[in-house]
PDB file of N, CA and C in Angstrom:
ATOM      1  N   MET A   1      41.467 -35.572-137.909  1.00  0.00           N
ATOM      2  CA  MET A   1      42.060 -36.444-136.915  1.00  0.00           C
ATOM      3  C   MET A   1      41.464 -36.114-135.546  1.00  0.00           C
ATOM      4  N   LEU A   2      41.032 -37.145-134.862  1.00  0.00           N
ATOM      5  CA  LEU A   2      40.441 -36.998-133.544  1.00  0.00           C
ATOM      6  C   LEU A   2      41.514 -37.240-132.486  1.00  0.00           C
ATOM      7  N   LEU A   3      41.706 -36.255-131.618  1.00  0.00           N
ATOM      8  CA  LEU A   3      42.699 -36.406-130.542  1.00  0.00           C
ATOM      9  C   LEU A   3      42.027 -37.006-129.316  1.00  0.00           C
ATOM     10  N   ARG A   4      42.672 -37.969-128.743  1.00  0.00           N
ATOM     11  CA  ARG A   4      42.165 -38.620-127.536  1.00  0.00           C
ATOM     12  C   ARG A   4      42.760 -37.948-126.315  1.00  0.00           C
ATOM     13  N   ARG A   5      41.916 -37.560-125.394  1.00  0.00           N
ATOM     14  CA  ARG A   5      42.370 -36.931-124.156  1.00  0.00           C
ATOM     15  C   ARG A   5      42.932 -38.008-123.235  1.00  0.00           C
ATOM     16  N   PRO A   6      44.136 -37.780-122.668  1.00  0.00           N
ATOM     17  CA  PRO A   6      44.714 -38.795-121.766  1.00  0.00           C
ATOM     18  C   PRO A   6      43.859 -38.948-120.510  1.00  0.00           C
ATOM     19  N   ALA A   7      43.878 -40.154-119.953  1.00  0.00           N
ATOM     20  CA  ALA A   7      43.144 -40.412-118.716  1.00  0.00           C
ATOM     21  C   ALA A   7      43.776 -39.623-117.571  1.00  0.00           C
ATOM     22  N   PRO A   8      42.957 -39.170-116.619  1.00  0.00           N
ATOM     23  CA  PRO A   8      43.505 -38.451-115.464  1.00  0.00           C
ATOM     24  C   PRO A   8      44.475 -39.340-114.682  1.00  0.00           C
ATOM     25  N   LEU A   9      45.523 -38.721-114.189  1.00  0.00           N
ATOM     26  CA  LEU A   9      46.547 -39.462-113.443  1.00  0.00           C
ATOM     27  C   LEU A   9      46.272 -39.459-111.951  1.00  0.00           C
ATOM     28  N   VAL A  10      46.649 -40.552-111.327  1.00  0.00           N
ATOM     29  CA  VAL A  10      46.662 -40.680-109.878  1.00  0.00           C
ATOM     30  C   VAL A  10      48.132 -40.773-109.489  1.00  0.00           C
ATOM     31  N   ASP A  11      48.548 -39.938-108.554  1.00  0.00           N
ATOM     32  CA  ASP A  11      49.932 -39.963-108.082  1.00  0.00           C
ATOM     33  C   ASP A  11      49.908 -39.712-106.578  1.00  0.00           C
ATOM     34  N   ILE A  12      49.987 -40.785-105.816  1.00  0.00           N
ATOM     35  CA  ILE A  12      49.883 -40.707-104.357  1.00  0.00           C
ATOM     36  C   ILE A  12      51.215 -41.098-103.733  1.00  0.00           C
ATOM     37  N   VAL A  13      51.648 -40.291-102.781  1.00  0.00           N
ATOM     38  CA  VAL A  13      52.845 -40.578-101.993  1.00  0.00           C
ATOM     39  C   VAL A  13      52.459 -40.341-100.538  1.00  0.00           C
ATOM     40  N   ASP A  14      52.724 -41.323 -99.681  1.00  0.00           N
ATOM     41  CA  ASP A  14      52.384 -41.194 -98.272  1.00  0.00           C
ATOM     42  C   ASP A  14      53.479 -41.839 -97.436  1.00  0.00           C
ATOM     43  N   GLU A  15      53.730 -41.263 -96.267  1.00  0.00           N
ATOM     44  CA  GLU A  15      54.695 -41.819 -95.322  1.00  0.00           C
ATOM     45  C   GLU A  15      54.100 -41.768 -93.925  1.00  0.00           C
ATOM     46  N   THR A  16      54.271 -42.855 -93.189  1.00  0.00           N
ATOM     47  CA  THR A  16      53.796 -42.927 -91.813  1.00  0.00           C
ATOM     48  C   THR A  16      54.847 -43.658 -90.988  1.00  0.00           C
ATOM     49  N   TYR A  17      55.166 -43.112 -89.824  1.00  0.00           N
ATOM     50  CA  TYR A  17      56.118 -43.757 -88.924  1.00  0.00           C
ATOM     51  C   TYR A  17      55.355 -44.682 -87.979  1.00  0.00           C
ATOM     52  N   VAL A  18      55.848 -45.907 -87.819  1.00  0.00           N
ATOM     53  CA  VAL A  18      55.287 -46.878 -86.876  1.00  0.00           C
ATOM     54  C   VAL A  18      56.426 -47.369 -85.986  1.00  0.00           C
ATOM     55  N   ARG A  19      56.216 -47.296 -84.683  1.00  0.00           N
ATOM     56  CA  ARG A  19      57.243 -47.727 -83.738  1.00  0.00           C
ATOM     57  C   ARG A  19      57.189 -49.245 -83.573  1.00  0.00           C
ATOM     58  N   ALA A  20      57.625 -49.942 -84.611  1.00  0.00           N
ATOM     59  CA  ALA A  20      57.711 -51.414 -84.623  1.00  0.00           C
ATOM     60  C   ALA A  20      58.665 -51.786 -85.750  1.00  0.00           C
ATOM     61  N   ALA A  21      59.255 -52.943 -85.656  1.00  0.00           N
ATOM     62  CA  ALA A  21      60.201 -53.413 -86.672  1.00  0.00           C
ATOM     63  C   ALA A  21      59.485 -53.662 -88.005  1.00  0.00           C
ATOM     64  N   PRO A  22      60.211 -53.512 -89.121  1.00  0.00           N
ATOM     65  CA  PRO A  22      59.596 -53.721 -90.439  1.00  0.00           C
ATOM     66  C   PRO A  22      58.903 -55.072 -90.602  1.00  0.00           C
ATOM     67  N   HIS A  23      59.508 -56.155 -90.091  1.00  0.00           N
ATOM     68  CA  HIS A  23      58.874 -57.469 -90.261  1.00  0.00           C
ATOM     69  C   HIS A  23      57.559 -57.567 -89.481  1.00  0.00           C
ATOM     70  N   VAL A  24      57.446 -56.843 -88.386  1.00  0.00           N
ATOM     71  CA  VAL A  24      56.205 -56.839 -87.605  1.00  0.00           C
ATOM     72  C   VAL A  24      55.118 -56.067 -88.361  1.00  0.00           C
ATOM     73  N   VAL A  25      55.492 -54.914 -88.919  1.00  0.00           N
ATOM     74  CA  VAL A  25      54.543 -54.124 -89.715  1.00  0.00           C
ATOM     75  C   VAL A  25      54.091 -54.935 -90.927  1.00  0.00           C
ATOM     76  N   ARG A  26      55.035 -55.589 -91.579  1.00  0.00           N
ATOM     77  CA  ARG A  26      54.702 -56.392 -92.766  1.00  0.00           C
ATOM     78  C   ARG A  26      53.728 -57.503 -92.413  1.00  0.00           C
ATOM     79  N   ALA A  27      53.926 -58.153 -91.279  1.00  0.00           N
ATOM     80  CA  ALA A  27      53.016 -59.220 -90.856  1.00  0.00           C
ATOM     81  C   ALA A  27      51.596 -58.681 -90.663  1.00  0.00           C
ATOM     82  N   GLU A  28      51.472 -57.493 -90.098  1.00  0.00           N
ATOM     83  CA  GLU A  28      50.153 -56.876 -89.915  1.00  0.00           C
ATOM     84  C   GLU A  28      49.493 -56.589 -91.262  1.00  0.00           C
ATOM     85  N   LEU A  29      50.268 -56.066 -92.200  1.00  0.00           N
ATOM     86  CA  LEU A  29      49.725 -55.749 -93.522  1.00  0.00           C
ATOM     87  C   LEU A  29      49.361 -57.011 -94.304  1.00  0.00           C
ATOM     88  N   ASP A  30      50.066 -58.108 -94.025  1.00  0.00           N
ATOM     89  CA  ASP A  30      49.811 -59.372 -94.720  1.00  0.00           C
ATOM     90  C   ASP A  30      48.660 -60.182 -94.123  1.00  0.00           C
ATOM     91  N   ALA A  31      48.108 -59.733 -93.010  1.00  0.00           N
ATOM     92  CA  ALA A  31      46.989 -60.464 -92.407  1.00  0.00           C
ATOM     93  C   ALA A  31      45.855 -60.573 -93.429  1.00  0.00           C
ATOM     94  N   PRO A  32      45.161 -61.714 -93.451  1.00  0.00           N
ATOM     95  CA  PRO A  32      44.105 -61.928 -94.443  1.00  0.00           C
ATOM     96  C   PRO A  32      43.086 -60.783 -94.483  1.00  0.00           C
ATOM     97  N   GLY A  33      42.864 -60.271 -95.685  1.00  0.00           N
ATOM     98  CA  GLY A  33      41.844 -59.256 -95.917  1.00  0.00           C
ATOM     99  C   GLY A  33      42.244 -57.819 -95.657  1.00  0.00           C
ATOM    100  N   VAL A  34      43.395 -57.590 -95.018  1.00  0.00           N
ATOM    101  CA  VAL A  34      43.771 -56.215 -94.662  1.00  0.00           C
ATOM    102  C   VAL A  34      43.928 -55.343 -95.907  1.00  0.00           C
ATOM    103  N   LEU A  35      44.786 -55.746 -96.828  1.00  0.00           N
ATOM    104  CA  LEU A  35      45.014 -54.902 -98.010  1.00  0.00           C
ATOM    105  C   LEU A  35      43.793 -54.851 -98.920  1.00  0.00           C
ATOM    106  N   ASP A  36      43.048 -55.935 -99.011  1.00  0.00           N
ATOM    107  CA  ASP A  36      41.821 -55.901 -99.806  1.00  0.00           C
ATOM    108  C   ASP A  36      40.833 -54.893 -99.229  1.00  0.00           C
ATOM    109  N   GLY A  37      40.770 -54.806 -97.903  1.00  0.00           N
ATOM    110  CA  GLY A  37      39.890 -53.840 -97.252  1.00  0.00           C
ATOM    111  C   GLY A  37      40.351 -52.405 -97.422  1.00  0.00           C
ATOM    112  N   LEU A  38      41.672 -52.216 -97.430  1.00  0.00           N
ATOM    113  CA  LEU A  38      42.210 -50.862 -97.588  1.00  0.00           C
ATOM    114  C   LEU A  38      42.191 -50.403 -99.036  1.00  0.00           C
ATOM    115  N   TRP A  39      42.220 -51.339 -99.955  1.00  0.00           N
ATOM    116  CA  TRP A  39      42.306 -51.004-101.380  1.00  0.00           C
ATOM    117  C   TRP A  39      41.216 -51.672-102.203  1.00  0.00           C
ATOM    118  N   PRO A  40      39.951 -51.428-101.891  1.00  0.00           N
ATOM    119  CA  PRO A  40      38.897 -52.038-102.700  1.00  0.00           C
ATOM    120  C   PRO A  40      38.960 -51.490-104.130  1.00  0.00           C
ATOM    121  N   GLY A  41      38.615 -52.324-105.075  1.00  0.00           N
ATOM    122  CA  GLY A  41      38.605 -51.872-106.464  1.00  0.00           C
ATOM    123  C   GLY A  41      39.951 -51.950-107.151  1.00  0.00           C
ATOM    124  N   LEU A  42      40.969 -52.459-106.456  1.00  0.00           N
ATOM    125  CA  LEU A  42      42.295 -52.612-107.061  1.00  0.00           C
ATOM    126  C   LEU A  42      42.676 -54.083-107.061  1.00  0.00           C
ATOM    127  N   HIS A  43      42.962 -54.586-108.224  1.00  0.00           N
ATOM    128  CA  HIS A  43      43.426 -55.970-108.363  1.00  0.00           C
ATOM    129  C   HIS A  43      44.940 -55.921-108.510  1.00  0.00           C
ATOM    130  N   ARG A  44      45.651 -56.570-107.583  1.00  0.00           N
ATOM    131  CA  ARG A  44      47.101 -56.479-107.519  1.00  0.00           C
ATOM    132  C   ARG A  44      47.772 -57.723-108.071  1.00  0.00           C
ATOM    133  N   GLU A  45      48.865 -57.487-108.773  1.00  0.00           N
ATOM    134  CA  GLU A  45      49.741 -58.574-109.224  1.00  0.00           C
ATOM    135  C   GLU A  45      51.148 -58.224-108.747  1.00  0.00           C
ATOM    136  N   VAL A  46      51.743 -59.102-107.948  1.00  0.00           N
ATOM    137  CA  VAL A  46      53.075 -58.832-107.401  1.00  0.00           C
ATOM    138  C   VAL A  46      54.098 -58.765-108.539  1.00  0.00           C
ATOM    139  N   VAL A  47      54.851 -57.675-108.540  1.00  0.00           N
ATOM    140  CA  VAL A  47      55.944 -57.488-109.494  1.00  0.00           C
ATOM    141  C   VAL A  47      57.269 -57.779-108.803  1.00  0.00           C
ATOM    142  N   GLN A  48      57.363 -57.349-107.530  1.00  0.00           N
ATOM    143  CA  GLN A  48      58.585 -57.596-106.769  1.00  0.00           C
ATOM    144  C   GLN A  48      58.230 -57.779-105.296  1.00  0.00           C
ATOM    145  N   GLU A  49      58.518 -58.951-104.783  1.00  0.00           N
ATOM    146  CA  GLU A  49      58.328 -59.272-103.372  1.00  0.00           C
ATOM    147  C   GLU A  49      59.637 -58.962-102.665  1.00  0.00           C
ATOM    148  N   ARG A  50      59.599 -58.068-101.668  1.00  0.00           N
ATOM    149  CA  ARG A  50      60.828 -57.616-101.021  1.00  0.00           C
ATOM    150  C   ARG A  50      60.901 -57.989 -99.546  1.00  0.00           C
ATOM    151  N   GLY A  51      60.060 -58.937 -99.107  1.00  0.00           N
ATOM    152  CA  GLY A  51      60.102 -59.388 -97.715  1.00  0.00           C
ATOM    153  C   GLY A  51      59.803 -58.260 -96.750  1.00  0.00           C
ATOM    154  N   ALA A  52      60.667 -58.096 -95.745  1.00  0.00           N
ATOM    155  CA  ALA A  52      60.467 -57.059 -94.729  1.00  0.00           C
ATOM    156  C   ALA A  52      60.663 -55.653 -95.285  1.00  0.00           C
ATOM    157  N   LYS A  53      61.086 -55.543 -96.546  1.00  0.00           N
ATOM    158  CA  LYS A  53      61.242 -54.218 -97.167  1.00  0.00           C
ATOM    159  C   LYS A  53      60.016 -53.794 -97.968  1.00  0.00           C
ATOM    160  N   GLY A  54      59.051 -54.710 -98.153  1.00  0.00           N
ATOM    161  CA  GLY A  54      57.821 -54.323 -98.823  1.00  0.00           C
ATOM    162  C   GLY A  54      57.511 -55.109-100.079  1.00  0.00           C
ATOM    163  N   VAL A  55      56.605 -54.539-100.891  1.00  0.00           N
ATOM    164  CA  VAL A  55      56.111 -55.196-102.103  1.00  0.00           C
ATOM    165  C   VAL A  55      55.825 -54.138-103.157  1.00  0.00           C
ATOM    166  N   ARG A  56      56.053 -54.513-104.412  1.00  0.00           N
ATOM    167  CA  ARG A  56      55.646 -53.692-105.558  1.00  0.00           C
ATOM    168  C   ARG A  56      54.618 -54.485-106.354  1.00  0.00           C
ATOM    169  N   TRP A  57      53.557 -53.805-106.790  1.00  0.00           N
ATOM    170  CA  TRP A  57      52.491 -54.451-107.544  1.00  0.00           C
ATOM    171  C   TRP A  57      52.219 -53.718-108.854  1.00  0.00           C
ATOM    172  N   ARG A  58      51.668 -54.445-109.774  1.00  0.00           N
ATOM    173  CA  ARG A  58      50.995 -53.873-110.938  1.00  0.00           C
ATOM    174  C   ARG A  58      49.525 -53.902-110.543  1.00  0.00           C
ATOM    175  N   VAL A  59      48.797 -52.815-110.795  1.00  0.00           N
ATOM    176  CA  VAL A  59      47.391 -52.769-110.397  1.00  0.00           C
ATOM    177  C   VAL A  59      46.492 -52.516-111.596  1.00  0.00           C
ATOM    178  N   GLN A  60      45.288 -53.070-111.484  1.00  0.00           N
ATOM    179  CA  GLN A  60      44.227 -52.835-112.459  1.00  0.00           C
ATOM    180  C   GLN A  60      42.940 -52.675-111.686  1.00  0.00           C
ATOM    181  N   GLY A  61      41.960 -52.110-112.336  1.00  0.00           N
ATOM    182  CA  GLY A  61      40.673 -51.867-111.694  1.00  0.00           C
ATOM    183  C   GLY A  61      40.409 -50.385-111.712  1.00  0.00           C
ATOM    184  N   ASP A  62      40.151 -49.813-110.539  1.00  0.00           N
ATOM    185  CA  ASP A  62      39.895 -48.372-110.458  1.00  0.00           C
ATOM    186  C   ASP A  62      41.069 -47.561-110.992  1.00  0.00           C
ATOM    187  N   VAL A  63      42.275 -48.069-110.806  1.00  0.00           N
ATOM    188  CA  VAL A  63      43.501 -47.439-111.306  1.00  0.00           C
ATOM    189  C   VAL A  63      44.274 -48.498-112.078  1.00  0.00           C
ATOM    190  N   VAL A  64      44.851 -48.085-113.193  1.00  0.00           N
ATOM    191  CA  VAL A  64      45.721 -48.971-113.965  1.00  0.00           C
ATOM    192  C   VAL A  64      47.114 -48.377-113.880  1.00  0.00           C
ATOM    193  N   GLY A  65      48.025 -49.116-113.246  1.00  0.00           N
ATOM    194  CA  GLY A  65      49.378 -48.597-113.070  1.00  0.00           C
ATOM    195  C   GLY A  65      50.175 -49.443-112.108  1.00  0.00           C
ATOM    196  N   ARG A  66      50.813 -48.758-111.142  1.00  0.00           N
ATOM    197  CA  ARG A  66      51.672 -49.475-110.202  1.00  0.00           C
ATOM    198  C   ARG A  66      51.449 -48.941-108.789  1.00  0.00           C
ATOM    199  N   MET A  67      51.792 -49.778-107.822  1.00  0.00           N
ATOM    200  CA  MET A  67      51.614 -49.430-106.422  1.00  0.00           C
ATOM    201  C   MET A  67      52.732 -50.094-105.633  1.00  0.00           C
ATOM    202  N   GLU A  68      53.085 -49.482-104.508  1.00  0.00           N
ATOM    203  CA  GLU A  68      54.171 -50.037-103.700  1.00  0.00           C
ATOM    204  C   GLU A  68      53.960 -49.707-102.233  1.00  0.00           C
ATOM    205  N   ILE A  69      54.384 -50.629-101.386  1.00  0.00           N
ATOM    206  CA  ILE A  69      54.614 -50.366 -99.965  1.00  0.00           C
ATOM    207  C   ILE A  69      56.096 -50.637 -99.755  1.00  0.00           C
ATOM    208  N   TRP A  70      56.795 -49.633 -99.260  1.00  0.00           N
ATOM    209  CA  TRP A  70      58.216 -49.756 -98.965  1.00  0.00           C
ATOM    210  C   TRP A  70      58.362 -49.555 -97.464  1.00  0.00           C
ATOM    211  N   LEU A  71      58.929 -50.530 -96.776  1.00  0.00           N
ATOM    212  CA  LEU A  71      59.120 -50.473 -95.334  1.00  0.00           C
ATOM    213  C   LEU A  71      60.589 -50.173 -95.051  1.00  0.00           C
ATOM    214  N   GLU A  72      60.833 -48.993 -94.515  1.00  0.00           N
ATOM    215  CA  GLU A  72      62.196 -48.526 -94.266  1.00  0.00           C
ATOM    216  C   GLU A  72      62.467 -48.500 -92.761  1.00  0.00           C
ATOM    217  N   ALA A  73      63.425 -49.306 -92.332  1.00  0.00           N
ATOM    218  CA  ALA A  73      63.808 -49.307 -90.923  1.00  0.00           C
ATOM    219  C   ALA A  73      64.489 -47.986 -90.589  1.00  0.00           C
ATOM    220  N   GLY A  74      64.109 -47.412 -89.461  1.00  0.00           N
ATOM    221  CA  GLY A  74      64.762 -46.176 -89.050  1.00  0.00           C
ATOM    222  C   GLY A  74      64.147 -45.581 -87.809  1.00  0.00           C
ATOM    223  N   HIS A  75      64.952 -44.883 -87.043  1.00  0.00           N
ATOM    224  CA  HIS A  75      64.503 -44.154 -85.854  1.00  0.00           C
ATOM    225  C   HIS A  75      63.805 -45.057 -84.844  1.00  0.00           C
ATOM    226  N   GLY A  76      64.278 -46.300 -84.727  1.00  0.00           N
ATOM    227  CA  GLY A  76      63.703 -47.218 -83.753  1.00  0.00           C
ATOM    228  C   GLY A  76      62.369 -47.818 -84.174  1.00  0.00           C
ATOM    229  N   GLY A  77      62.047 -47.751 -85.442  1.00  0.00           N
ATOM    230  CA  GLY A  77      60.780 -48.307 -85.931  1.00  0.00           C
ATOM    231  C   GLY A  77      60.828 -48.448 -87.439  1.00  0.00           C
ATOM    232  N   THR A  78      59.687 -48.169 -88.079  1.00  0.00           N
ATOM    233  CA  THR A  78      59.559 -48.333 -89.524  1.00  0.00           C
ATOM    234  C   THR A  78      58.866 -47.130 -90.135  1.00  0.00           C
ATOM    235  N   ILE A  79      59.415 -46.633 -91.203  1.00  0.00           N
ATOM    236  CA  ILE A  79      58.728 -45.622 -91.995  1.00  0.00           C
ATOM    237  C   ILE A  79      58.028 -46.388 -93.115  1.00  0.00           C
ATOM    238  N   VAL A  80      56.710 -46.309 -93.133  1.00  0.00           N
ATOM    239  CA  VAL A  80      55.908 -47.011 -94.137  1.00  0.00           C
ATOM    240  C   VAL A  80      55.645 -46.025 -95.276  1.00  0.00           C
ATOM    241  N   HIS A  81      56.269 -46.285 -96.408  1.00  0.00           N
ATOM    242  CA  HIS A  81      56.065 -45.464 -97.608  1.00  0.00           C
ATOM    243  C   HIS A  81      55.020 -46.163 -98.465  1.00  0.00           C
ATOM    244  N   HIS A  82      54.094 -45.405 -99.000  1.00  0.00           N
ATOM    245  CA  HIS A  82      53.047 -45.972 -99.864  1.00  0.00           C
ATOM    246  C   HIS A  82      52.959 -45.110-101.118  1.00  0.00           C
ATOM    247  N   PHE A  83      53.024 -45.766-102.273  1.00  0.00           N
ATOM    248  CA  PHE A  83      52.976 -45.070-103.555  1.00  0.00           C
ATOM    249  C   PHE A  83      51.908 -45.695-104.435  1.00  0.00           C
ATOM    250  N   VAL A  84      51.182 -44.847-105.160  1.00  0.00           N
ATOM    251  CA  VAL A  84      50.266 -45.303-106.205  1.00  0.00           C
ATOM    252  C   VAL A  84      50.476 -44.373-107.391  1.00  0.00           C
ATOM    253  N   HIS A  85      50.681 -44.943-108.558  1.00  0.00           N
ATOM    254  CA  HIS A  85      50.828 -44.127-109.765  1.00  0.00           C
ATOM    255  C   HIS A  85      50.128 -44.850-110.908  1.00  0.00           C
ATOM    256  N   GLY A  86      49.235 -44.151-111.569  1.00  0.00           N
ATOM    257  CA  GLY A  86      48.543 -44.777-112.696  1.00  0.00           C
ATOM    258  C   GLY A  86      47.471 -43.886-113.266  1.00  0.00           C
ATOM    259  N   GLU A  87      46.687 -44.467-114.132  1.00  0.00           N
ATOM    260  CA  GLU A  87      45.598 -43.751-114.789  1.00  0.00           C
ATOM    261  C   GLU A  87      44.273 -44.165-114.176  1.00  0.00           C
ATOM    262  N   HIS A  88      43.374 -43.207-114.127  1.00  0.00           N
ATOM    263  CA  HIS A  88      42.042 -43.421-113.569  1.00  0.00           C
ATOM    264  C   HIS A  88      41.060 -42.762-114.522  1.00  0.00           C
ATOM    265  N   GLY A  89      39.873 -43.322-114.593  1.00  0.00           N
ATOM    266  CA  GLY A  89      38.833 -42.681-115.404  1.00  0.00           C
ATOM    267  C   GLY A  89      38.450 -41.356-114.786  1.00  0.00           C
ATOM    268  N   ARG A  90      37.256 -40.977-114.933  1.00  0.00           N
ATOM    269  CA  ARG A  90      36.786 -39.716-114.334  1.00  0.00           C
ATOM    270  C   ARG A  90      36.839 -39.784-112.819  1.00  0.00           C
ATOM    271  N   GLY A  91      37.046 -38.640-112.213  1.00  0.00           N
ATOM    272  CA  GLY A  91      37.031 -38.576-110.756  1.00  0.00           C
ATOM    273  C   GLY A  91      38.328 -38.997-110.087  1.00  0.00           C
ATOM    274  N   ALA A  92      39.463 -38.814-110.753  1.00  0.00           N
ATOM    275  CA  ALA A  92      40.747 -39.231-110.180  1.00  0.00           C
ATOM    276  C   ALA A  92      41.039 -38.523-108.861  1.00  0.00           C
ATOM    277  N   ALA A  93      40.731 -37.238-108.770  1.00  0.00           N
ATOM    278  CA  ALA A  93      41.013 -36.489-107.540  1.00  0.00           C
ATOM    279  C   ALA A  93      40.183 -37.033-106.378  1.00  0.00           C
ATOM    280  N   ARG A  94      38.925 -37.308-106.636  1.00  0.00           N
ATOM    281  CA  ARG A  94      38.058 -37.850-105.580  1.00  0.00           C
ATOM    282  C   ARG A  94      38.534 -39.241-105.159  1.00  0.00           C
ATOM    283  N   TRP A  95      38.854 -40.082-106.136  1.00  0.00           N
ATOM    284  CA  TRP A  95      39.340 -41.421-105.825  1.00  0.00           C
ATOM    285  C   TRP A  95      40.606 -41.325-104.971  1.00  0.00           C
ATOM    286  N   SER A  96      41.515 -40.425-105.345  1.00  0.00           N
ATOM    287  CA  SER A  96      42.777 -40.258-104.597  1.00  0.00           C
ATOM    288  C   SER A  96      42.505 -39.854-103.155  1.00  0.00           C
ATOM    289  N   ARG A  97      41.593 -38.920-102.941  1.00  0.00           N
ATOM    290  CA  ARG A  97      41.261 -38.495-101.570  1.00  0.00           C
ATOM    291  C   ARG A  97      40.711 -39.664-100.753  1.00  0.00           C
ATOM    292  N   GLU A  98      39.791 -40.420-101.350  1.00  0.00           N
ATOM    293  CA  GLU A  98      39.198 -41.555-100.633  1.00  0.00           C
ATOM    294  C   GLU A  98      40.239 -42.631-100.344  1.00  0.00           C
ATOM    295  N   HIS A  99      41.117 -42.885-101.310  1.00  0.00           N
ATOM    296  CA  HIS A  99      42.171 -43.886-101.121  1.00  0.00           C
ATOM    297  C   HIS A  99      43.102 -43.464 -99.981  1.00  0.00           C
ATOM    298  N   ARG A 100      43.538 -42.209-100.002  1.00  0.00           N
ATOM    299  CA  ARG A 100      44.430 -41.705 -98.944  1.00  0.00           C
ATOM    300  C   ARG A 100      43.770 -41.823 -97.574  1.00  0.00           C
ATOM    301  N   ARG A 101      42.491 -41.423 -97.499  1.00  0.00           N
ATOM    302  CA  ARG A 101      41.772 -41.451 -96.218  1.00  0.00           C
ATOM    303  C   ARG A 101      41.664 -42.888 -95.704  1.00  0.00           C
ATOM    304  N   ARG A 102      41.273 -43.820 -96.569  1.00  0.00           N
ATOM    305  CA  ARG A 102      41.119 -45.223 -96.170  1.00  0.00           C
ATOM    306  C   ARG A 102      42.472 -45.817 -95.767  1.00  0.00           C
ATOM    307  N   TRP A 103      43.522 -45.535 -96.556  1.00  0.00           N
ATOM    308  CA  TRP A 103      44.859 -46.050 -96.264  1.00  0.00           C
ATOM    309  C   TRP A 103      45.349 -45.526 -94.918  1.00  0.00           C
ATOM    310  N   LYS A 104      45.262 -44.203 -94.724  1.00  0.00           N
ATOM    311  CA  LYS A 104      45.784 -43.596 -93.495  1.00  0.00           C
ATOM    312  C   LYS A 104      45.018 -44.088 -92.272  1.00  0.00           C
ATOM    313  N   SER A 105      43.712 -44.201 -92.392  1.00  0.00           N
ATOM    314  CA  SER A 105      42.901 -44.684 -91.281  1.00  0.00           C
ATOM    315  C   SER A 105      43.281 -46.125 -90.919  1.00  0.00           C
ATOM    316  N   GLY A 106      43.397 -46.987 -91.916  1.00  0.00           N
ATOM    317  CA  GLY A 106      43.767 -48.379 -91.666  1.00  0.00           C
ATOM    318  C   GLY A 106      45.163 -48.519 -91.102  1.00  0.00           C
ATOM    319  N   LEU A 107      46.108 -47.760 -91.658  1.00  0.00           N
ATOM    320  CA  LEU A 107      47.482 -47.836 -91.171  1.00  0.00           C
ATOM    321  C   LEU A 107      47.589 -47.269 -89.757  1.00  0.00           C
ATOM    322  N   ASN A 108      46.855 -46.203 -89.457  1.00  0.00           N
ATOM    323  CA  ASN A 108      46.873 -45.655 -88.099  1.00  0.00           C
ATOM    324  C   ASN A 108      46.270 -46.635 -87.096  1.00  0.00           C
ATOM    325  N   HIS A 109      45.303 -47.418 -87.516  1.00  0.00           N
ATOM    326  CA  HIS A 109      44.737 -48.455 -86.647  1.00  0.00           C
ATOM    327  C   HIS A 109      45.814 -49.501 -86.315  1.00  0.00           C
ATOM    328  N   ILE A 110      46.561 -49.922 -87.337  1.00  0.00           N
ATOM    329  CA  ILE A 110      47.664 -50.865 -87.136  1.00  0.00           C
ATOM    330  C   ILE A 110      48.729 -50.239 -86.243  1.00  0.00           C
ATOM    331  N   LYS A 111      49.080 -49.007 -86.518  1.00  0.00           N
ATOM    332  CA  LYS A 111      50.084 -48.279 -85.737  1.00  0.00           C
ATOM    333  C   LYS A 111      49.683 -48.214 -84.263  1.00  0.00           C
ATOM    334  N   ASP A 112      48.437 -47.828 -84.001  1.00  0.00           N
ATOM    335  CA  ASP A 112      47.961 -47.728 -82.616  1.00  0.00           C
ATOM    336  C   ASP A 112      48.046 -49.074 -81.901  1.00  0.00           C
ATOM    337  N   ARG A 113      47.647 -50.151 -82.583  1.00  0.00           N
ATOM    338  CA  ARG A 113      47.684 -51.478 -81.976  1.00  0.00           C
ATOM    339  C   ARG A 113      49.138 -51.882 -81.655  1.00  0.00           C
ATOM    340  N   LEU A 114      50.041 -51.670 -82.616  1.00  0.00           N
ATOM    341  CA  LEU A 114      51.432 -52.056 -82.397  1.00  0.00           C
ATOM    342  C   LEU A 114      52.127 -51.199 -81.336  1.00  0.00           C
ATOM    343  N   GLU A 115      51.687 -49.957 -81.209  1.00  0.00           N
ATOM    344  CA  GLU A 115      52.307 -49.055 -80.231  1.00  0.00           C
ATOM    345  C   GLU A 115      51.566 -49.051 -78.899  1.00  0.00           C
ATOM    346  N   GLY A 116      50.544 -49.901 -78.775  1.00  0.00           N
ATOM    347  CA  GLY A 116      49.829 -50.031 -77.502  1.00  0.00           C
ATOM    348  C   GLY A 116      48.919 -48.872 -77.176  1.00  0.00           C
ATOM    349  N   ARG A 117      48.401 -48.205 -78.195  1.00  0.00           N
ATOM    350  CA  ARG A 117      47.490 -47.058 -77.972  1.00  0.00           C
ATOM    351  C   ARG A 117      46.065 -47.462 -78.270  1.00  0.00           C
ATOM    352  N   THR A 118      45.140 -46.739 -77.668  1.00  0.00           N
ATOM    353  CA  THR A 118      43.724 -46.901 -77.988  1.00  0.00           C
ATOM    354  C   THR A 118      43.185 -45.548 -78.423  1.00  0.00           C
ATOM    355  N   ARG A 119      42.202 -45.595 -79.293  1.00  0.00           N
ATOM    356  CA  ARG A 119      41.568 -44.341 -79.769  1.00  0.00           C
ATOM    357  C   ARG A 119      40.200 -44.223 -79.203  1.00  0.00           C
TER     358      ARG A 119
END
């Protein structure tokens, strides 16, 4: 009997505070091309549309699994929670690092714009 080795797992959890209301953050994330640019290689299918509270997706492509953005109102702004959980072929750790870096960079760009900062 040949045993099949399970695919490497991707498990990403990220939180970023943005000093803007959840619906404003959501509008920025929904701008054409934003999420496609932040998540290349992931094909998303909406599982649950939550309006100003976020979105849950089923994903395929580089990762097969699920992904979510949860927008939590609090502390005079929004805590942006981002989750990715699924299977990846070889190089899951590298893919996770690149995904985190691209996500954080893009979200910080949005954060700076909404908070009136320049880098």
